[in-house]
């Protein structure tokens, strides 16, 4: 499952990069995905919306409905 998550996150990164941001994978532990948003996404007031309504929703729809995405800020 980790390889599927990583592959999908690589696809999602292009959308973030188009807006001047990006993501870093901090860790993937089972169905828990810990991400750090960087660039424009790191300081955006809508970062949690991006994580939960964007990235988490996409991973749940494409891979597994129990995936949880967490934001790492440091």
N, C-alpha and C. Protein backbone atom coordinates (compact mmCIF):
# COMPACT_ATOMS: atom_id res chain seq x y z
N UNK A 1 0.83 -1.20 0.00
CA UNK A 1 0.00 0.00 0.00
C UNK A 1 0.87 1.26 0.00
N UNK A 2 2.02 1.20 0.67
CA UNK A 2 2.87 2.39 0.74
C UNK A 2 3.31 2.83 -0.65
N UNK A 3 3.63 1.90 -1.50
CA UNK A 3 4.07 2.28 -2.85
C UNK A 3 2.95 2.93 -3.64
N UNK A 4 1.71 2.48 -3.43
CA UNK A 4 0.57 3.10 -4.11
C UNK A 4 0.36 4.53 -3.60
N UNK A 5 0.50 4.71 -2.28
CA UNK A 5 0.33 6.04 -1.69
C UNK A 5 1.41 6.98 -2.22
N UNK A 6 2.65 6.53 -2.23
CA UNK A 6 3.75 7.36 -2.73
C UNK A 6 3.55 7.75 -4.19
N UNK A 7 3.11 6.79 -5.00
CA UNK A 7 2.88 7.07 -6.43
C UNK A 7 1.78 8.11 -6.60
N UNK A 8 0.71 7.98 -5.84
CA UNK A 8 -0.40 8.92 -5.96
C UNK A 8 0.02 10.31 -5.47
N UNK A 9 0.80 10.37 -4.40
CA UNK A 9 1.27 11.66 -3.90
C UNK A 9 2.16 12.34 -4.92
N UNK A 10 2.94 11.59 -5.67
CA UNK A 10 3.76 12.17 -6.73
C UNK A 10 2.88 12.84 -7.79
N UNK A 11 1.76 12.22 -8.10
CA UNK A 11 0.82 12.82 -9.06
C UNK A 11 0.19 14.08 -8.50
N UNK A 12 -0.17 14.06 -7.23
CA UNK A 12 -0.79 15.21 -6.58
C UNK A 12 0.18 16.38 -6.48
N UNK A 13 1.47 16.08 -6.29
CA UNK A 13 2.48 17.14 -6.14
C UNK A 13 2.46 18.12 -7.31
N UNK A 14 2.19 17.64 -8.50
CA UNK A 14 2.21 18.54 -9.66
C UNK A 14 1.18 19.65 -9.53
N UNK A 15 0.03 19.34 -8.94
CA UNK A 15 -1.01 20.36 -8.73
C UNK A 15 -0.54 21.40 -7.72
N UNK A 16 0.10 20.95 -6.65
CA UNK A 16 0.62 21.88 -5.64
C UNK A 16 1.75 22.73 -6.21
N UNK A 17 2.61 22.11 -7.00
CA UNK A 17 3.73 22.83 -7.59
C UNK A 17 3.25 23.90 -8.57
N UNK A 18 2.14 23.66 -9.23
CA UNK A 18 1.58 24.67 -10.14
C UNK A 18 1.15 25.93 -9.40
N UNK A 19 0.86 25.79 -8.10
CA UNK A 19 0.46 26.93 -7.28
C UNK A 19 1.61 27.47 -6.43
N UNK A 20 2.83 27.01 -6.69
CA UNK A 20 3.99 27.50 -5.95
C UNK A 20 4.26 26.76 -4.66
N UNK A 21 3.62 25.65 -4.45
CA UNK A 21 3.83 24.88 -3.23
C UNK A 21 4.35 23.49 -3.55
N UNK A 22 4.39 22.66 -2.52
CA UNK A 22 4.83 21.28 -2.68
C UNK A 22 4.52 20.54 -1.39
N UNK A 23 4.78 19.26 -1.40
CA UNK A 23 4.63 18.47 -0.19
C UNK A 23 5.86 17.60 -0.01
N UNK A 24 6.14 17.28 1.24
CA UNK A 24 7.20 16.35 1.59
C UNK A 24 6.57 15.22 2.38
N UNK A 25 6.92 14.00 2.03
CA UNK A 25 6.44 12.85 2.78
C UNK A 25 7.36 12.69 3.99
N UNK A 26 6.79 12.84 5.18
CA UNK A 26 7.56 12.67 6.40
C UNK A 26 7.60 11.19 6.76
N UNK A 27 6.44 10.54 6.73
CA UNK A 27 6.38 9.11 7.00
C UNK A 27 5.04 8.55 6.55
N UNK A 28 5.06 7.26 6.28
CA UNK A 28 3.83 6.53 6.00
C UNK A 28 3.86 5.31 6.91
N UNK A 29 2.90 5.25 7.82
CA UNK A 29 2.84 4.16 8.79
C UNK A 29 1.48 3.50 8.64
N UNK A 30 1.46 2.44 7.86
CA UNK A 30 0.19 1.77 7.58
C UNK A 30 -0.70 2.69 6.77
N UNK A 31 -1.83 3.08 7.35
CA UNK A 31 -2.77 3.96 6.66
C UNK A 31 -2.67 5.41 7.14
N UNK A 32 -1.66 5.70 7.96
CA UNK A 32 -1.41 7.06 8.44
C UNK A 32 -0.30 7.68 7.60
N UNK A 33 -0.63 8.79 6.96
CA UNK A 33 0.31 9.48 6.08
C UNK A 33 0.63 10.83 6.70
N UNK A 34 1.90 11.07 6.99
CA UNK A 34 2.33 12.32 7.60
C UNK A 34 3.05 13.14 6.55
N UNK A 35 2.50 14.32 6.27
CA UNK A 35 3.02 15.18 5.22
C UNK A 35 3.37 16.55 5.76
N UNK A 36 4.36 17.16 5.13
CA UNK A 36 4.71 18.55 5.40
C UNK A 36 4.46 19.33 4.13
N UNK A 37 3.67 20.38 4.23
CA UNK A 37 3.44 21.26 3.09
C UNK A 37 4.52 22.34 3.10
N UNK A 38 5.08 22.62 1.94
CA UNK A 38 6.17 23.60 1.84
C UNK A 38 5.86 24.61 0.75
N UNK A 39 6.70 25.63 0.67
CA UNK A 39 6.47 26.68 -0.33
C UNK A 39 5.20 27.45 0.00
N UNK A 40 4.47 27.83 -1.02
CA UNK A 40 3.24 28.60 -0.83
C UNK A 40 2.21 27.82 -0.01
N UNK A 41 2.22 26.50 -0.11
CA UNK A 41 1.26 25.68 0.64
C UNK A 41 1.57 25.66 2.13
N UNK A 42 2.85 25.81 2.48
CA UNK A 42 3.25 25.75 3.89
C UNK A 42 2.70 26.88 4.72
N UNK A 43 2.52 28.05 4.13
CA UNK A 43 2.04 29.20 4.89
C UNK A 43 0.61 29.60 4.50
N UNK A 44 -0.02 28.80 3.68
CA UNK A 44 -1.37 29.11 3.22
C UNK A 44 -2.38 28.90 4.35
N UNK A 45 -3.32 29.82 4.53
CA UNK A 45 -4.33 29.64 5.57
C UNK A 45 -5.29 28.48 5.27
N UNK A 46 -5.26 27.98 4.05
CA UNK A 46 -6.14 26.87 3.68
C UNK A 46 -5.40 25.54 3.63
N UNK A 47 -4.25 25.45 4.28
CA UNK A 47 -3.42 24.24 4.23
C UNK A 47 -4.17 23.00 4.74
N UNK A 48 -4.92 23.14 5.83
CA UNK A 48 -5.65 21.98 6.36
C UNK A 48 -6.75 21.54 5.40
N UNK A 49 -7.35 22.47 4.71
CA UNK A 49 -8.37 22.12 3.71
C UNK A 49 -7.70 21.34 2.58
N UNK A 50 -6.52 21.79 2.17
CA UNK A 50 -5.78 21.09 1.13
C UNK A 50 -5.48 19.66 1.57
N UNK A 51 -5.04 19.51 2.82
CA UNK A 51 -4.71 18.18 3.32
C UNK A 51 -5.92 17.27 3.43
N UNK A 52 -6.96 17.75 4.07
CA UNK A 52 -8.11 16.90 4.37
C UNK A 52 -9.09 16.77 3.20
N UNK A 53 -9.49 17.89 2.63
CA UNK A 53 -10.49 17.86 1.56
C UNK A 53 -9.88 17.57 0.20
N UNK A 54 -8.57 17.75 0.10
CA UNK A 54 -7.90 17.51 -1.17
C UNK A 54 -7.13 16.20 -1.16
N UNK A 55 -5.99 16.20 -0.48
CA UNK A 55 -5.09 15.04 -0.53
C UNK A 55 -5.70 13.82 0.14
N UNK A 56 -6.20 13.95 1.37
CA UNK A 56 -6.77 12.80 2.08
C UNK A 56 -7.95 12.23 1.31
N UNK A 57 -8.83 13.08 0.83
CA UNK A 57 -10.01 12.61 0.08
C UNK A 57 -9.57 11.84 -1.16
N UNK A 58 -8.60 12.36 -1.87
CA UNK A 58 -8.12 11.70 -3.08
C UNK A 58 -7.52 10.33 -2.75
N UNK A 59 -6.68 10.26 -1.73
CA UNK A 59 -6.07 8.99 -1.36
C UNK A 59 -7.13 7.97 -0.93
N UNK A 60 -8.15 8.45 -0.21
CA UNK A 60 -9.23 7.55 0.21
C UNK A 60 -10.03 7.03 -0.98
N UNK A 61 -10.28 7.89 -1.94
CA UNK A 61 -11.05 7.48 -3.12
C UNK A 61 -10.24 6.56 -4.03
N UNK A 62 -8.96 6.84 -4.18
CA UNK A 62 -8.13 6.11 -5.13
C UNK A 62 -7.51 4.84 -4.56
N UNK A 63 -7.25 4.82 -3.23
CA UNK A 63 -6.48 3.70 -2.67
C UNK A 63 -7.22 2.95 -1.56
N UNK A 64 -7.57 3.66 -0.47
CA UNK A 64 -8.20 2.99 0.67
C UNK A 64 -9.00 4.02 1.46
N UNK A 65 -10.27 3.72 1.77
CA UNK A 65 -11.11 4.70 2.47
C UNK A 65 -10.72 4.97 3.93
N UNK A 66 -9.75 4.23 4.45
CA UNK A 66 -9.34 4.42 5.85
C UNK A 66 -8.05 5.21 6.00
N UNK A 67 -7.50 5.70 4.91
CA UNK A 67 -6.27 6.48 4.99
C UNK A 67 -6.53 7.80 5.72
N UNK A 68 -5.59 8.16 6.60
CA UNK A 68 -5.66 9.42 7.33
C UNK A 68 -4.40 10.22 7.03
N UNK A 69 -4.56 11.47 6.64
CA UNK A 69 -3.44 12.35 6.34
C UNK A 69 -3.29 13.34 7.49
N UNK A 70 -2.08 13.44 8.02
CA UNK A 70 -1.77 14.36 9.11
C UNK A 70 -0.75 15.38 8.63
N UNK A 71 -0.85 16.58 9.16
CA UNK A 71 0.09 17.64 8.81
C UNK A 71 1.21 17.69 9.83
N UNK A 72 2.43 17.70 9.34
CA UNK A 72 3.61 17.89 10.17
C UNK A 72 4.12 19.29 9.86
N UNK A 73 4.35 20.08 10.90
CA UNK A 73 4.73 21.47 10.67
C UNK A 73 6.21 21.72 10.93
N UNK A 74 6.93 20.80 11.51
CA UNK A 74 8.36 21.02 11.77
C UNK A 74 9.19 19.96 11.12
